[in-house]
Amino acid sequence: LAEATAYFTASRRQIADNIFLTTQMMALFLGLMISGAGWFLLPAVLARNPLVVQQSARAYLLLFAIPCLGSISGCAWLQGAGHVRSFNIGRATAHVTTAAVMATLTLLGLASVESYLGAMLVGNFLAWAVVLKAWFAQRNPLSRVTLGLVPQILSYGSRVQIGSWSASANVQLDQLMLSSLA
C-alpha cells in the first residue's frame, strides 16, 4: 500500500488528496482484514506457545494493523506529494517515539516484550497522528474517497509487494547458502 500510495500521489498530483483519503480507507479495510485473519490464524500458528502468548498476539494485531498501515501509507503520501519536511517528521516519529518509550520503560525497570510492543503501538499511533495533522493542514476540502482508484492501487501495490518478497527471499537464500558453506 505504501509504495502504491507514493507512486500514485507523485504521478497524479491533481488528485493527491483523493488518493490520501482512498488509501487511508484502504488501510482501514486491509487492517480489519489482516486483524480478522490473524484472529483465527494466530492460535494455529502459535499453538505450541502458552495461551497468554496467543492472546497477546491477537490483541497486539488488533491494535497494530490499522495504525501501522495508516501511518505508513500516510507517510508515503507525504513523500509522493513532495512534502519532504512533513514526510521526514512523520517517518521519524514512529522510530524516535518507540525508542524513547522503550528507553523510559527500561530505566523504570518495566522492560518486557509486552511493554516494548506497547511502545511500538504508541510510536505508530503518534506517527499516524502527525501524518493526519500534516494532511489536514493543507487538504482540499472537496477531496473525497475515489473507489475507482482502489483496483489500480491494489494492482500496482501487489506487483511491488511480490517483487519485494522475491528480492527478500533471494537475500535470505543467499545468507542460508553462505552460512551452510561456511
N, C-alpha and C. Protein backbone atom coordinates (compact mmCIF):
# COMPACT_ATOMS: atom_id res chain seq x y z
N LEU A 1 0.82 -1.20 0.00
CA LEU A 1 0.00 0.00 0.00
C LEU A 1 0.86 1.25 0.00
N ALA A 2 1.95 1.24 0.73
CA ALA A 2 2.79 2.44 0.83
C ALA A 2 3.41 2.82 -0.52
N GLU A 3 4.00 1.85 -1.20
CA GLU A 3 4.65 2.14 -2.47
C GLU A 3 3.63 2.63 -3.50
N ALA A 4 2.46 2.00 -3.52
CA ALA A 4 1.41 2.43 -4.45
C ALA A 4 0.92 3.83 -4.10
N THR A 5 0.82 4.14 -2.82
CA THR A 5 0.39 5.47 -2.40
C THR A 5 1.38 6.52 -2.88
N ALA A 6 2.66 6.29 -2.67
CA ALA A 6 3.68 7.25 -3.10
C ALA A 6 3.67 7.42 -4.61
N TYR A 7 3.59 6.32 -5.33
CA TYR A 7 3.61 6.37 -6.79
C TYR A 7 2.40 7.13 -7.34
N PHE A 8 1.21 6.76 -6.91
CA PHE A 8 0.02 7.39 -7.44
C PHE A 8 -0.08 8.86 -7.03
N THR A 9 0.37 9.18 -5.83
CA THR A 9 0.35 10.58 -5.41
C THR A 9 1.31 11.41 -6.24
N ALA A 10 2.51 10.89 -6.47
CA ALA A 10 3.50 11.64 -7.26
C ALA A 10 3.08 11.77 -8.72
N SER A 11 2.43 10.75 -9.25
CA SER A 11 2.07 10.78 -10.68
C SER A 11 0.73 11.44 -10.95
N ARG A 12 -0.05 11.67 -9.91
CA ARG A 12 -1.37 12.28 -10.09
C ARG A 12 -1.60 13.36 -9.03
N ARG A 13 -0.74 14.33 -9.04
CA ARG A 13 -0.78 15.39 -8.02
C ARG A 13 -2.12 16.12 -7.98
N GLN A 14 -2.81 16.21 -9.11
CA GLN A 14 -4.07 16.95 -9.15
C GLN A 14 -5.16 16.28 -8.30
N ILE A 15 -5.02 15.01 -8.00
CA ILE A 15 -5.99 14.31 -7.15
C ILE A 15 -5.31 13.72 -5.91
N ALA A 16 -4.24 14.35 -5.48
CA ALA A 16 -3.45 13.82 -4.35
C ALA A 16 -4.29 13.64 -3.09
N ASP A 17 -5.17 14.60 -2.80
CA ASP A 17 -5.98 14.46 -1.59
C ASP A 17 -6.97 13.31 -1.69
N ASN A 18 -7.49 13.07 -2.88
CA ASN A 18 -8.37 11.92 -3.07
C ASN A 18 -7.59 10.62 -2.85
N ILE A 19 -6.36 10.59 -3.31
CA ILE A 19 -5.52 9.41 -3.12
C ILE A 19 -5.26 9.19 -1.63
N PHE A 20 -5.01 10.28 -0.90
CA PHE A 20 -4.80 10.16 0.54
C PHE A 20 -6.02 9.52 1.20
N LEU A 21 -7.18 10.08 0.97
CA LEU A 21 -8.39 9.55 1.60
C LEU A 21 -8.67 8.11 1.16
N THR A 22 -8.45 7.83 -0.10
CA THR A 22 -8.70 6.47 -0.61
C THR A 22 -7.75 5.47 0.04
N THR A 23 -6.47 5.81 0.13
CA THR A 23 -5.52 4.86 0.72
C THR A 23 -5.69 4.75 2.23
N GLN A 24 -6.16 5.81 2.88
CA GLN A 24 -6.45 5.69 4.31
C GLN A 24 -7.65 4.76 4.52
N MET A 25 -8.66 4.86 3.64
CA MET A 25 -9.79 3.95 3.70
C MET A 25 -9.32 2.52 3.44
N MET A 26 -8.42 2.36 2.48
CA MET A 26 -7.88 1.03 2.19
C MET A 26 -7.08 0.50 3.37
N ALA A 27 -6.32 1.37 4.05
CA ALA A 27 -5.56 0.95 5.23
C ALA A 27 -6.51 0.44 6.31
N LEU A 28 -7.61 1.14 6.49
CA LEU A 28 -8.60 0.71 7.47
C LEU A 28 -9.18 -0.66 7.08
N PHE A 29 -9.57 -0.80 5.84
CA PHE A 29 -10.17 -2.06 5.36
C PHE A 29 -9.15 -3.21 5.43
N LEU A 30 -7.93 -2.97 4.91
CA LEU A 30 -6.90 -4.02 4.95
C LEU A 30 -6.51 -4.36 6.38
N GLY A 31 -6.43 -3.35 7.23
CA GLY A 31 -6.12 -3.59 8.65
C GLY A 31 -7.17 -4.47 9.31
N LEU A 32 -8.44 -4.21 8.99
CA LEU A 32 -9.51 -5.05 9.53
C LEU A 32 -9.43 -6.47 8.99
N MET A 33 -9.11 -6.61 7.69
CA MET A 33 -8.97 -7.95 7.10
C MET A 33 -7.81 -8.70 7.74
N ILE A 34 -6.67 -8.03 7.89
CA ILE A 34 -5.49 -8.66 8.49
C ILE A 34 -5.79 -9.05 9.93
N SER A 35 -6.44 -8.16 10.66
CA SER A 35 -6.78 -8.46 12.05
C SER A 35 -7.74 -9.64 12.15
N GLY A 36 -8.74 -9.66 11.26
CA GLY A 36 -9.68 -10.78 11.27
C GLY A 36 -9.02 -12.10 10.93
N ALA A 37 -8.19 -12.09 9.90
CA ALA A 37 -7.48 -13.31 9.53
C ALA A 37 -6.54 -13.75 10.65
N GLY A 38 -5.83 -12.79 11.22
CA GLY A 38 -4.92 -13.11 12.31
C GLY A 38 -5.62 -13.65 13.53
N TRP A 39 -6.81 -13.14 13.79
CA TRP A 39 -7.57 -13.60 14.95
C TRP A 39 -7.80 -15.11 14.89
N PHE A 40 -8.03 -15.62 13.68
CA PHE A 40 -8.28 -17.05 13.52
C PHE A 40 -7.01 -17.86 13.27
N LEU A 41 -6.02 -17.25 12.61
CA LEU A 41 -4.80 -17.98 12.26
C LEU A 41 -3.76 -18.02 13.39
N LEU A 42 -3.67 -16.97 14.19
CA LEU A 42 -2.62 -16.93 15.22
C LEU A 42 -2.68 -18.09 16.20
N PRO A 43 -3.84 -18.52 16.68
CA PRO A 43 -3.84 -19.68 17.59
C PRO A 43 -3.24 -20.93 16.94
N ALA A 44 -3.46 -21.12 15.64
CA ALA A 44 -2.89 -22.28 14.96
C ALA A 44 -1.38 -22.11 14.78
N VAL A 45 -0.98 -20.92 14.38
CA VAL A 45 0.45 -20.64 14.16
C VAL A 45 1.22 -20.70 15.47
N LEU A 46 0.60 -20.23 16.54
CA LEU A 46 1.27 -20.17 17.85
C LEU A 46 0.80 -21.30 18.78
N ALA A 47 0.33 -22.39 18.22
CA ALA A 47 -0.25 -23.48 19.01
C ALA A 47 0.70 -24.04 20.06
N ARG A 48 1.98 -24.00 19.80
CA ARG A 48 2.96 -24.55 20.76
C ARG A 48 3.31 -23.58 21.88
N ASN A 49 2.77 -22.38 21.80
CA ASN A 49 3.04 -21.36 22.81
C ASN A 49 1.90 -21.33 23.83
N PRO A 50 2.18 -20.80 25.01
CA PRO A 50 1.13 -20.70 26.03
C PRO A 50 -0.05 -19.84 25.54
N LEU A 51 -1.20 -20.06 26.12
CA LEU A 51 -2.41 -19.34 25.74
C LEU A 51 -2.22 -17.82 25.89
N VAL A 52 -1.49 -17.41 26.90
CA VAL A 52 -1.28 -15.97 27.11
C VAL A 52 -0.52 -15.34 25.94
N VAL A 53 0.39 -16.07 25.33
CA VAL A 53 1.12 -15.58 24.16
C VAL A 53 0.17 -15.44 22.98
N GLN A 54 -0.67 -16.44 22.79
CA GLN A 54 -1.63 -16.38 21.70
C GLN A 54 -2.59 -15.20 21.87
N GLN A 55 -3.07 -15.00 23.09
CA GLN A 55 -4.00 -13.90 23.35
C GLN A 55 -3.31 -12.55 23.18
N SER A 56 -2.07 -12.45 23.63
CA SER A 56 -1.32 -11.19 23.48
C SER A 56 -1.08 -10.87 22.01
N ALA A 57 -0.74 -11.90 21.23
CA ALA A 57 -0.50 -11.69 19.80
C ALA A 57 -1.78 -11.23 19.10
N ARG A 58 -2.89 -11.81 19.47
CA ARG A 58 -4.17 -11.39 18.89
C ARG A 58 -4.48 -9.93 19.23
N ALA A 59 -4.32 -9.60 20.49
CA ALA A 59 -4.61 -8.22 20.93
C ALA A 59 -3.69 -7.22 20.23
N TYR A 60 -2.42 -7.57 20.15
CA TYR A 60 -1.46 -6.67 19.51
C TYR A 60 -1.83 -6.47 18.03
N LEU A 61 -2.16 -7.54 17.34
CA LEU A 61 -2.52 -7.42 15.93
C LEU A 61 -3.75 -6.54 15.76
N LEU A 62 -4.74 -6.70 16.63
CA LEU A 62 -5.94 -5.87 16.54
C LEU A 62 -5.61 -4.39 16.71
N LEU A 63 -4.68 -4.09 17.59
CA LEU A 63 -4.32 -2.70 17.86
C LEU A 63 -3.30 -2.14 16.86
N PHE A 64 -2.54 -3.00 16.22
CA PHE A 64 -1.40 -2.57 15.41
C PHE A 64 -1.69 -2.41 13.93
N ALA A 65 -2.47 -3.29 13.35
CA ALA A 65 -2.61 -3.34 11.89
C ALA A 65 -3.09 -2.03 11.28
N ILE A 66 -4.14 -1.46 11.81
CA ILE A 66 -4.71 -0.25 11.20
C ILE A 66 -3.80 0.96 11.37
N PRO A 67 -3.32 1.28 12.57
CA PRO A 67 -2.44 2.46 12.66
C PRO A 67 -1.12 2.29 11.92
N CYS A 68 -0.63 1.07 11.84
CA CYS A 68 0.61 0.84 11.10
C CYS A 68 0.39 1.10 9.62
N LEU A 69 -0.64 0.50 9.04
CA LEU A 69 -0.94 0.72 7.62
C LEU A 69 -1.29 2.18 7.36
N GLY A 70 -2.04 2.79 8.27
CA GLY A 70 -2.42 4.20 8.11
C GLY A 70 -1.22 5.13 8.14
N SER A 71 -0.31 4.90 9.09
CA SER A 71 0.86 5.79 9.19
C SER A 71 1.83 5.56 8.04
N ILE A 72 2.04 4.30 7.64
CA ILE A 72 2.97 4.01 6.55
C ILE A 72 2.45 4.57 5.22
N SER A 73 1.18 4.35 4.93
CA SER A 73 0.65 4.89 3.67
C SER A 73 0.54 6.40 3.73
N GLY A 74 0.27 6.95 4.91
CA GLY A 74 0.24 8.41 5.06
C GLY A 74 1.60 9.04 4.83
N CYS A 75 2.63 8.43 5.37
CA CYS A 75 4.00 8.92 5.13
C CYS A 75 4.35 8.82 3.65
N ALA A 76 3.95 7.73 3.03
CA ALA A 76 4.21 7.56 1.59
C ALA A 76 3.48 8.64 0.79
N TRP A 77 2.28 9.00 1.24
CA TRP A 77 1.55 10.08 0.57
C TRP A 77 2.31 11.40 0.68
N LEU A 78 2.81 11.69 1.88
CA LEU A 78 3.59 12.92 2.06
C LEU A 78 4.81 12.93 1.14
N GLN A 79 5.46 11.79 1.01
CA GLN A 79 6.62 11.68 0.13
C GLN A 79 6.21 11.91 -1.33
N GLY A 80 5.16 11.25 -1.76
CA GLY A 80 4.71 11.39 -3.14
C GLY A 80 4.22 12.79 -3.46
N ALA A 81 3.63 13.46 -2.46
CA ALA A 81 3.12 14.82 -2.66
C ALA A 81 4.22 15.87 -2.59
N GLY A 82 5.44 15.44 -2.26
CA GLY A 82 6.56 16.37 -2.20
C GLY A 82 6.66 17.16 -0.90
N HIS A 83 5.95 16.72 0.13
CA HIS A 83 6.03 17.38 1.44
C HIS A 83 7.17 16.72 2.23
N VAL A 84 8.39 17.02 1.81
CA VAL A 84 9.57 16.31 2.32
C VAL A 84 9.76 16.52 3.82
N ARG A 85 9.59 17.74 4.29
CA ARG A 85 9.77 18.01 5.72
C ARG A 85 8.77 17.19 6.55
N SER A 86 7.49 17.26 6.18
CA SER A 86 6.46 16.51 6.90
C SER A 86 6.69 15.01 6.79
N PHE A 87 7.14 14.56 5.61
CA PHE A 87 7.45 13.14 5.41
C PHE A 87 8.54 12.70 6.38
N ASN A 88 9.61 13.46 6.46
CA ASN A 88 10.71 13.09 7.35
C ASN A 88 10.29 13.13 8.81
N ILE A 89 9.49 14.10 9.19
CA ILE A 89 9.00 14.16 10.57
C ILE A 89 8.09 12.96 10.84
N GLY A 90 7.18 12.66 9.91
CA GLY A 90 6.25 11.55 10.10
C GLY A 90 6.94 10.22 10.22
N ARG A 91 7.86 9.95 9.32
CA ARG A 91 8.50 8.63 9.37
C ARG A 91 9.46 8.50 10.55
N ALA A 92 10.06 9.61 10.98
CA ALA A 92 10.96 9.56 12.14
C ALA A 92 10.18 9.45 13.45
N THR A 93 8.97 9.95 13.46
CA THR A 93 8.18 9.96 14.70
C THR A 93 8.00 8.56 15.26
N ALA A 94 7.66 7.61 14.42
CA ALA A 94 7.44 6.24 14.92
C ALA A 94 8.69 5.69 15.57
N HIS A 95 9.83 5.87 14.91
CA HIS A 95 11.08 5.29 15.42
C HIS A 95 11.59 6.01 16.66
N VAL A 96 11.57 7.33 16.62
CA VAL A 96 12.07 8.11 17.76
C VAL A 96 11.17 7.90 18.98
N THR A 97 9.86 7.94 18.77
CA THR A 97 8.93 7.74 19.88
C THR A 97 9.08 6.34 20.47
N THR A 98 9.14 5.33 19.59
CA THR A 98 9.29 3.96 20.07
C THR A 98 10.57 3.81 20.89
N ALA A 99 11.68 4.33 20.39
CA ALA A 99 12.95 4.24 21.11
C ALA A 99 12.89 4.99 22.44
N ALA A 100 12.29 6.16 22.45
CA ALA A 100 12.21 6.95 23.68
C ALA A 100 11.35 6.26 24.73
N VAL A 101 10.22 5.71 24.29
CA VAL A 101 9.35 5.00 25.24
C VAL A 101 10.04 3.73 25.75
N MET A 102 10.73 3.01 24.87
CA MET A 102 11.45 1.81 25.30
C MET A 102 12.55 2.16 26.30
N ALA A 103 13.29 3.23 26.02
CA ALA A 103 14.36 3.65 26.95
C ALA A 103 13.77 4.03 28.30
N THR A 104 12.66 4.75 28.29
CA THR A 104 12.00 5.14 29.53
C THR A 104 11.53 3.92 30.31
N LEU A 105 10.92 2.98 29.61
CA LEU A 105 10.46 1.75 30.27
C LEU A 105 11.62 0.98 30.87
N THR A 106 12.73 0.94 30.14
CA THR A 106 13.91 0.24 30.64
C THR A 106 14.44 0.92 31.91
N LEU A 107 14.54 2.24 31.87
CA LEU A 107 15.03 2.99 33.04
C LEU A 107 14.12 2.83 34.25
N LEU A 108 12.83 2.66 33.99
CA LEU A 108 11.87 2.48 35.08
C LEU A 108 11.77 1.03 35.54
N GLY A 109 12.55 0.14 34.92
CA GLY A 109 12.53 -1.27 35.28
C GLY A 109 11.29 -1.99 34.76
N LEU A 110 10.68 -1.46 33.72
CA LEU A 110 9.46 -2.05 33.18
C LEU A 110 9.68 -2.68 31.81
N ALA A 111 10.90 -3.05 31.52
CA ALA A 111 11.22 -3.64 30.21
C ALA A 111 10.65 -5.05 30.12
N SER A 112 9.87 -5.27 29.07
CA SER A 112 9.33 -6.59 28.78
C SER A 112 8.90 -6.59 27.32
N VAL A 113 8.66 -7.76 26.80
CA VAL A 113 8.19 -7.85 25.42
C VAL A 113 6.87 -7.08 25.29
N GLU A 114 5.97 -7.26 26.24
CA GLU A 114 4.67 -6.59 26.18
C GLU A 114 4.81 -5.07 26.24
N SER A 115 5.67 -4.58 27.14
CA SER A 115 5.81 -3.12 27.25
C SER A 115 6.48 -2.55 26.00
N TYR A 116 7.42 -3.29 25.41
CA TYR A 116 8.06 -2.82 24.18
C TYR A 116 7.08 -2.84 23.00
N LEU A 117 6.20 -3.83 22.97
CA LEU A 117 5.16 -3.83 21.94
C LEU A 117 4.24 -2.63 22.13
N GLY A 118 3.95 -2.31 23.37
CA GLY A 118 3.16 -1.11 23.66
C GLY A 118 3.86 0.15 23.18
N ALA A 119 5.19 0.18 23.33
CA ALA A 119 5.97 1.33 22.86
C ALA A 119 5.86 1.45 21.34
N MET A 120 5.88 0.32 20.64
CA MET A 120 5.73 0.35 19.19
C MET A 120 4.35 0.85 18.79
N LEU A 121 3.33 0.46 19.55
CA LEU A 121 1.98 0.95 19.27
C LEU A 121 1.90 2.46 19.45
N VAL A 122 2.49 2.95 20.53
CA VAL A 122 2.49 4.39 20.78
C VAL A 122 3.20 5.11 19.64
N GLY A 123 4.34 4.59 19.22
CA GLY A 123 5.09 5.20 18.12
C GLY A 123 4.29 5.26 16.83
N ASN A 124 3.60 4.16 16.50
CA ASN A 124 2.80 4.13 15.26
C ASN A 124 1.58 5.04 15.35
N PHE A 125 0.91 5.05 16.49
CA PHE A 125 -0.23 5.95 16.64
C PHE A 125 0.20 7.41 16.53
N LEU A 126 1.32 7.75 17.15
CA LEU A 126 1.80 9.13 17.10
C LEU A 126 2.21 9.51 15.67
N ALA A 127 2.88 8.60 14.98
CA ALA A 127 3.26 8.86 13.58
C ALA A 127 2.02 9.07 12.72
N TRP A 128 1.00 8.26 12.93
CA TRP A 128 -0.25 8.41 12.19
C TRP A 128 -0.89 9.77 12.49
N ALA A 129 -0.86 10.17 13.76
CA ALA A 129 -1.42 11.48 14.13
C ALA A 129 -0.65 12.62 13.45
N VAL A 130 0.67 12.50 13.37
CA VAL A 130 1.48 13.52 12.71
C VAL A 130 1.13 13.61 11.23
N VAL A 131 0.98 12.46 10.58
CA VAL A 131 0.62 12.43 9.16
C VAL A 131 -0.76 13.04 8.94
N LEU A 132 -1.72 12.65 9.77
CA LEU A 132 -3.07 13.19 9.63
C LEU A 132 -3.10 14.70 9.84
N LYS A 133 -2.33 15.18 10.80
CA LYS A 133 -2.25 16.62 11.04
C LYS A 133 -1.63 17.33 9.84
N ALA A 134 -0.57 16.76 9.27
CA ALA A 134 0.08 17.37 8.10
C ALA A 134 -0.88 17.41 6.91
N TRP A 135 -1.63 16.33 6.70
CA TRP A 135 -2.58 16.32 5.60
C TRP A 135 -3.71 17.31 5.84
N PHE A 136 -4.24 17.29 7.04
CA PHE A 136 -5.39 18.14 7.36
C PHE A 136 -5.04 19.62 7.23
N ALA A 137 -3.80 19.98 7.54
CA ALA A 137 -3.38 21.39 7.49
C ALA A 137 -3.40 21.95 6.07
N GLN A 138 -3.27 21.11 5.07
CA GLN A 138 -3.20 21.62 3.70
C GLN A 138 -4.21 20.98 2.75
N ARG A 139 -5.13 20.22 3.28
CA ARG A 139 -6.05 19.44 2.45
C ARG A 139 -6.97 20.32 1.61
N ASN A 140 -7.47 19.70 0.57
CA ASN A 140 -8.51 20.31 -0.25
C ASN A 140 -9.84 19.91 0.37
N PRO A 141 -10.66 20.87 0.78
CA PRO A 141 -11.93 20.50 1.44
C PRO A 141 -12.88 19.71 0.54
N LEU A 142 -12.64 19.71 -0.76
CA LEU A 142 -13.50 18.97 -1.68
C LEU A 142 -12.99 17.55 -1.95
N SER A 143 -11.91 17.16 -1.29
CA SER A 143 -11.35 15.83 -1.53
C SER A 143 -12.33 14.76 -1.04
N ARG A 144 -12.22 13.60 -1.68
CA ARG A 144 -13.14 12.50 -1.36
C ARG A 144 -12.46 11.17 -1.65
N VAL A 145 -13.01 10.11 -1.08
CA VAL A 145 -12.56 8.76 -1.40
C VAL A 145 -12.98 8.48 -2.85
N THR A 146 -12.04 7.93 -3.63
CA THR A 146 -12.29 7.63 -5.03
C THR A 146 -12.16 6.12 -5.22
N LEU A 147 -13.28 5.43 -5.19
CA LEU A 147 -13.27 3.96 -5.25
C LEU A 147 -12.68 3.44 -6.57
N GLY A 148 -12.75 4.21 -7.63
CA GLY A 148 -12.18 3.79 -8.91
C GLY A 148 -10.67 3.62 -8.86
N LEU A 149 -10.02 4.25 -7.89
CA LEU A 149 -8.57 4.12 -7.74
C LEU A 149 -8.17 2.81 -7.06
N VAL A 150 -9.07 2.21 -6.31
CA VAL A 150 -8.73 1.04 -5.49
C VAL A 150 -8.14 -0.10 -6.33
N PRO A 151 -8.77 -0.52 -7.44
CA PRO A 151 -8.17 -1.62 -8.21
C PRO A 151 -6.78 -1.26 -8.75
N GLN A 152 -6.59 -0.02 -9.18
CA GLN A 152 -5.28 0.39 -9.70
C GLN A 152 -4.22 0.37 -8.61
N ILE A 153 -4.58 0.86 -7.43
CA ILE A 153 -3.64 0.89 -6.30
C ILE A 153 -3.31 -0.54 -5.87
N LEU A 154 -4.32 -1.38 -5.77
CA LEU A 154 -4.08 -2.78 -5.37
C LEU A 154 -3.24 -3.51 -6.41
N SER A 155 -3.49 -3.27 -7.68
CA SER A 155 -2.73 -3.93 -8.74
C SER A 155 -1.26 -3.53 -8.68
N TYR A 156 -1.01 -2.24 -8.63
CA TYR A 156 0.37 -1.76 -8.57
C TYR A 156 1.05 -2.22 -7.27
N GLY A 157 0.35 -2.03 -6.15
CA GLY A 157 0.92 -2.40 -4.86
C GLY A 157 1.22 -3.87 -4.73
N SER A 158 0.35 -4.73 -5.26
CA SER A 158 0.60 -6.18 -5.16
C SER A 158 1.80 -6.58 -6.00
N ARG A 159 1.96 -5.96 -7.18
CA ARG A 159 3.14 -6.27 -8.00
C ARG A 159 4.43 -5.85 -7.29
N VAL A 160 4.40 -4.68 -6.68
CA VAL A 160 5.58 -4.22 -5.94
C VAL A 160 5.85 -5.16 -4.76
N GLN A 161 4.79 -5.57 -4.06
CA GLN A 161 4.96 -6.45 -2.90
C GLN A 161 5.55 -7.79 -3.31
N ILE A 162 5.07 -8.36 -4.40
CA ILE A 162 5.61 -9.64 -4.88
C ILE A 162 7.09 -9.48 -5.25
N GLY A 163 7.42 -8.37 -5.89
CA GLY A 163 8.82 -8.09 -6.20
C GLY A 163 9.67 -7.97 -4.95
N SER A 164 9.12 -7.33 -3.92
CA SER A 164 9.84 -7.19 -2.65
C SER A 164 10.05 -8.54 -1.99
N TRP A 165 9.01 -9.37 -2.03
CA TRP A 165 9.14 -10.71 -1.45
C TRP A 165 10.20 -11.52 -2.16
N SER A 166 10.23 -11.45 -3.49
CA SER A 166 11.22 -12.24 -4.22
C SER A 166 12.63 -11.73 -3.93
N ALA A 167 12.79 -10.42 -3.84
CA ALA A 167 14.11 -9.87 -3.51
C ALA A 167 14.53 -10.28 -2.10
N SER A 168 13.60 -10.23 -1.16
CA SER A 168 13.89 -10.63 0.21
C SER A 168 14.21 -12.12 0.29
N ALA A 169 13.45 -12.93 -0.43
CA ALA A 169 13.72 -14.37 -0.44
C ALA A 169 15.09 -14.66 -1.03
N ASN A 170 15.48 -13.92 -2.05
CA ASN A 170 16.79 -14.09 -2.66
C ASN A 170 17.90 -13.78 -1.65
N VAL A 171 17.75 -12.71 -0.91
CA VAL A 171 18.75 -12.35 0.11
C VAL A 171 18.81 -13.43 1.18
N GLN A 172 17.63 -13.90 1.63
CA GLN A 172 17.61 -14.94 2.65
C GLN A 172 18.23 -16.24 2.15
N LEU A 173 17.98 -16.59 0.91
CA LEU A 173 18.55 -17.79 0.33
C LEU A 173 20.07 -17.66 0.23
N ASP A 174 20.55 -16.49 -0.19
CA ASP A 174 21.99 -16.25 -0.24
C ASP A 174 22.63 -16.42 1.13
N GLN A 175 21.96 -15.86 2.16
CA GLN A 175 22.50 -15.98 3.52
C GLN A 175 22.49 -17.43 3.99
N LEU A 176 21.44 -18.14 3.68
CA LEU A 176 21.36 -19.55 4.04
C LEU A 176 22.48 -20.36 3.37
N MET A 177 22.68 -20.12 2.09
CA MET A 177 23.73 -20.84 1.36
C MET A 177 25.11 -20.50 1.88
N LEU A 178 25.36 -19.22 2.14
CA LEU A 178 26.66 -18.81 2.68
C LEU A 178 26.92 -19.40 4.07
N SER A 179 25.88 -19.40 4.91
CA SER A 179 26.09 -19.95 6.25
C SER A 179 26.27 -21.46 6.19
N SER A 180 25.61 -22.12 5.25
CA SER A 180 25.78 -23.57 5.08
C SER A 180 27.19 -23.90 4.59
N LEU A 181 27.67 -23.10 3.64
CA LEU A 181 29.01 -23.32 3.11
C LEU A 181 30.09 -22.98 4.12
N ALA A 182 29.84 -21.97 4.93
CA ALA A 182 30.82 -21.56 5.92
C ALA A 182 30.86 -22.56 7.05
